[in-house]
C-alpha atoms as a PDB file:
ATOM      1  CA  MET A   1     -58.260-181.016  51.394  1.00  0.00           C
ATOM      2  CA  ASP A   2     -58.888-179.450  48.000  1.00  0.00           C
ATOM      3  CA  LYS A   3     -56.437-177.522  45.968  1.00  0.00           C
ATOM      4  CA  SER A   4     -56.852-174.014  47.485  1.00  0.00           C
ATOM      5  CA  GLN A   5     -55.889-175.465  50.733  1.00  0.00           C
ATOM      6  CA  SER A   6     -52.902-177.364  49.874  1.00  0.00           C
ATOM      7  CA  ASN A   7     -51.553-174.442  48.396  1.00  0.00           C
ATOM      8  CA  VAL A   8     -52.480-172.484  51.428  1.00  0.00           C
ATOM      9  CA  ALA A   9     -50.729-175.350  53.486  1.00  0.00           C
ATOM     10  CA  GLU A  10     -47.726-175.083  51.387  1.00  0.00           C
ATOM     11  CA  GLN A  11     -47.199-171.403  51.404  1.00  0.00           C
ATOM     12  CA  GLU A  12     -47.746-171.433  55.301  1.00  0.00           C
ATOM     13  CA  LEU A  13     -44.737-173.899  55.585  1.00  0.00           C
ATOM     14  CA  ASN A  14     -42.409-172.140  53.120  1.00  0.00           C
ATOM     15  CA  PRO A  15     -40.388-169.426  54.697  1.00  0.00           C
ATOM     16  CA  CYS A  16     -37.820-167.145  53.055  1.00  0.00           C
ATOM     17  CA  GLU A  17     -35.687-168.974  50.374  1.00  0.00           C
ATOM     18  CA  HIS A  18     -32.671-168.229  52.374  1.00  0.00           C
ATOM     19  CA  MET A  19     -33.881-169.646  55.210  1.00  0.00           C
ATOM     20  CA  THR A  20     -35.244-172.952  54.330  1.00  0.00           C
ATOM     21  CA  ASP A  21     -32.809-175.385  55.874  1.00  0.00           C
ATOM     22  CA  LEU A  22     -32.400-173.066  59.068  1.00  0.00           C
ATOM     23  CA  VAL A  23     -36.023-173.153  59.794  1.00  0.00           C
ATOM     24  CA  SER A  24     -36.458-176.678  59.269  1.00  0.00           C
ATOM     25  CA  ARG A  25     -33.842-177.349  61.384  1.00  0.00           C
ATOM     26  CA  ARG A  26     -34.921-175.171  64.016  1.00  0.00           C
ATOM     27  CA  SER A  27     -38.229-176.404  63.978  1.00  0.00           C
ATOM     28  CA  ASP A  28     -36.857-179.962  64.908  1.00  0.00           C
ATOM     29  CA  ASN A  29     -33.969-178.395  67.460  1.00  0.00           C
ATOM     30  CA  THR A  30     -31.094-179.469  65.538  1.00  0.00           C
ATOM     31  CA  LEU A  31     -29.548-175.868  65.528  1.00  0.00           C
ATOM     32  CA  ALA A  32     -26.907-174.644  67.833  1.00  0.00           C
ATOM     33  CA  GLY A  33     -24.336-171.641  67.769  1.00  0.00           C
ATOM     34  CA  PRO A  34     -24.271-168.863  65.695  1.00  0.00           C
ATOM     35  CA  ALA A  35     -26.574-170.606  63.330  1.00  0.00           C
ATOM     36  CA  LYS A  36     -29.589-170.843  65.898  1.00  0.00           C
ATOM     37  CA  TRP A  37     -29.367-167.329  66.676  1.00  0.00           C
ATOM     38  CA  TYR A  38     -29.347-165.791  63.768  1.00  0.00           C
ATOM     39  CA  THR A  39     -32.363-168.205  62.743  1.00  0.00           C
ATOM     40  CA  ASP A  40     -34.114-167.011  66.335  1.00  0.00           C
ATOM     41  CA  PHE A  41     -33.629-163.433  65.207  1.00  0.00           C
ATOM     42  CA  HIS A  42     -34.785-163.759  61.563  1.00  0.00           C
ATOM     43  CA  VAL A  43     -38.015-165.516  62.566  1.00  0.00           C
ATOM     44  CA  ALA A  44     -38.560-162.827  65.462  1.00  0.00           C
ATOM     45  CA  THR A  45     -38.390-160.239  62.834  1.00  0.00           C
ATOM     46  CA  CYS A  46     -40.338-162.234  59.632  1.00  0.00           C
ATOM     47  CA  PRO A  47     -43.446-162.843  59.592  1.00  0.00           C
ATOM     48  CA  LYS A  48     -43.189-165.605  56.797  1.00  0.00           C
ATOM     49  CA  CYS A  49     -40.703-167.324  58.638  1.00  0.00           C
ATOM     50  CA  LYS A  50     -42.199-167.239  62.205  1.00  0.00           C
ATOM     51  CA  LYS A  51     -45.228-168.800  60.242  1.00  0.00           C
ATOM     52  CA  ALA A  52     -43.525-171.458  58.568  1.00  0.00           C
ATOM     53  CA  LEU A  53     -41.648-172.359  61.958  1.00  0.00           C
ATOM     54  CA  ILE A  54     -45.045-172.811  63.814  1.00  0.00           C
ATOM     55  CA  GLY A  55     -46.337-174.513  61.058  1.00  0.00           C
ATOM     56  CA  LEU A  56     -43.181-176.963  60.962  1.00  0.00           C
ATOM     57  CA  ARG A  57     -43.378-177.865  64.703  1.00  0.00           C
ATOM     58  CA  GLN A  58     -47.024-178.525  64.756  1.00  0.00           C
ATOM     59  CA  VAL A  59     -46.404-181.167  61.827  1.00  0.00           C
ATOM     60  CA  ASN A  60     -43.309-182.658  64.076  1.00  0.00           C
ATOM     61  CA  ALA A  61     -45.456-182.509  66.992  1.00  0.00           C
ATOM     62  CA  GLN A  62     -48.582-184.383  65.066  1.00  0.00           C
ATOM     63  CA  VAL A  63     -46.191-186.990  63.326  1.00  0.00           C
ATOM     64  CA  LYS A  64     -44.286-187.811  66.686  1.00  0.00           C
ATOM     65  CA  GLU A  65     -47.822-188.220  68.721  1.00  0.00           C
ATOM     66  CA  MET A  66     -49.092-190.439  65.916  1.00  0.00           C
ATOM     67  CA  SER A  67     -46.171-192.510  66.175  1.00  0.00           C
ATOM     68  CA  SER A  68     -46.099-192.520  70.117  1.00  0.00           C
ATOM     69  CA  THR A  69     -50.459-193.729  70.004  1.00  0.00           C
ATOM     70  CA  ASP A  70     -50.131-196.062  67.117  1.00  0.00           C
ATOM     71  CA  PRO A  71     -48.389-198.827  67.495  1.00  0.00           C
ATOM     72  CA  ASN A  72     -47.701-199.749  64.258  1.00  0.00           C
ATOM     73  CA  LEU A  73     -46.175-196.449  63.836  1.00  0.00           C
ATOM     74  CA  LYS A  74     -43.422-196.894  66.189  1.00  0.00           C
ATOM     75  CA  LEU A  75     -40.286-194.870  64.691  1.00  0.00           C
ATOM     76  CA  ASP A  76     -36.604-195.039  66.019  1.00  0.00           C
ATOM     77  CA  GLU A  77     -34.166-192.681  65.613  1.00  0.00           C
ATOM     78  CA  LYS A  78     -33.198-194.178  62.105  1.00  0.00           C
ATOM     79  CA  ASP A  79     -36.906-193.698  60.725  1.00  0.00           C
ATOM     80  CA  TRP A  80     -36.886-190.094  62.235  1.00  0.00           C
ATOM     81  CA  LYS A  81     -33.749-189.444  60.146  1.00  0.00           C
ATOM     82  CA  SER A  82     -35.031-191.124  56.953  1.00  0.00           C
ATOM     83  CA  ILE A  83     -38.063-189.224  56.899  1.00  0.00           C
ATOM     84  CA  GLU A  84     -36.099-186.150  57.696  1.00  0.00           C
ATOM     85  CA  ALA A  85     -33.827-186.793  54.544  1.00  0.00           C
ATOM     86  CA  GLY A  86     -37.054-187.418  52.574  1.00  0.00           C
ATOM     87  CA  TRP A  87     -38.121-183.864  53.393  1.00  0.00           C
ATOM     88  CA  ASP A  88     -35.000-182.446  52.697  1.00  0.00           C
ATOM     89  CA  GLN A  89     -35.085-184.052  48.900  1.00  0.00           C
ATOM     90  CA  GLU A  90     -38.636-182.998  48.462  1.00  0.00           C
ATOM     91  CA  GLU A  91     -37.647-179.724  49.637  1.00  0.00           C
ATOM     92  CA  LYS A  92     -34.978-179.374  47.024  1.00  0.00           C
ATOM     93  CA  GLY A  93     -37.036-180.627  43.926  1.00  0.00           C
ATOM     94  CA  PHE A  94     -39.697-178.210  45.306  1.00  0.00           C
ATOM     95  CA  GLN A  95     -37.151-175.118  45.282  1.00  0.00           C
ATOM     96  CA  SER A  96     -35.575-176.179  41.696  1.00  0.00           C
ATOM     97  CA  GLY A  97     -39.115-176.559  40.428  1.00  0.00           C
ATOM     98  CA  THR A  98     -39.316-179.989  39.762  1.00  0.00           C
END
């Protein structure tokens, strides 16, 4: 993937700044209650966040598919939490510009 494709991919996975955590958590179905309702409402009315949610769900599905088809990539709940924590850390660094 060249740099221009990478930038497009990053833009497509970046929701509105105030929705980053909510869209990420919605993509892996860890939201409930009013936060879930608000996120669903916002995504329904915001093309940027809708595109980000769809993209994140595709990434999640691809990673899970890889882990189920490659015996060397079997991930348990602890592994997924570690991956998610790493993504959250990267996301915070990206938002702060570091």
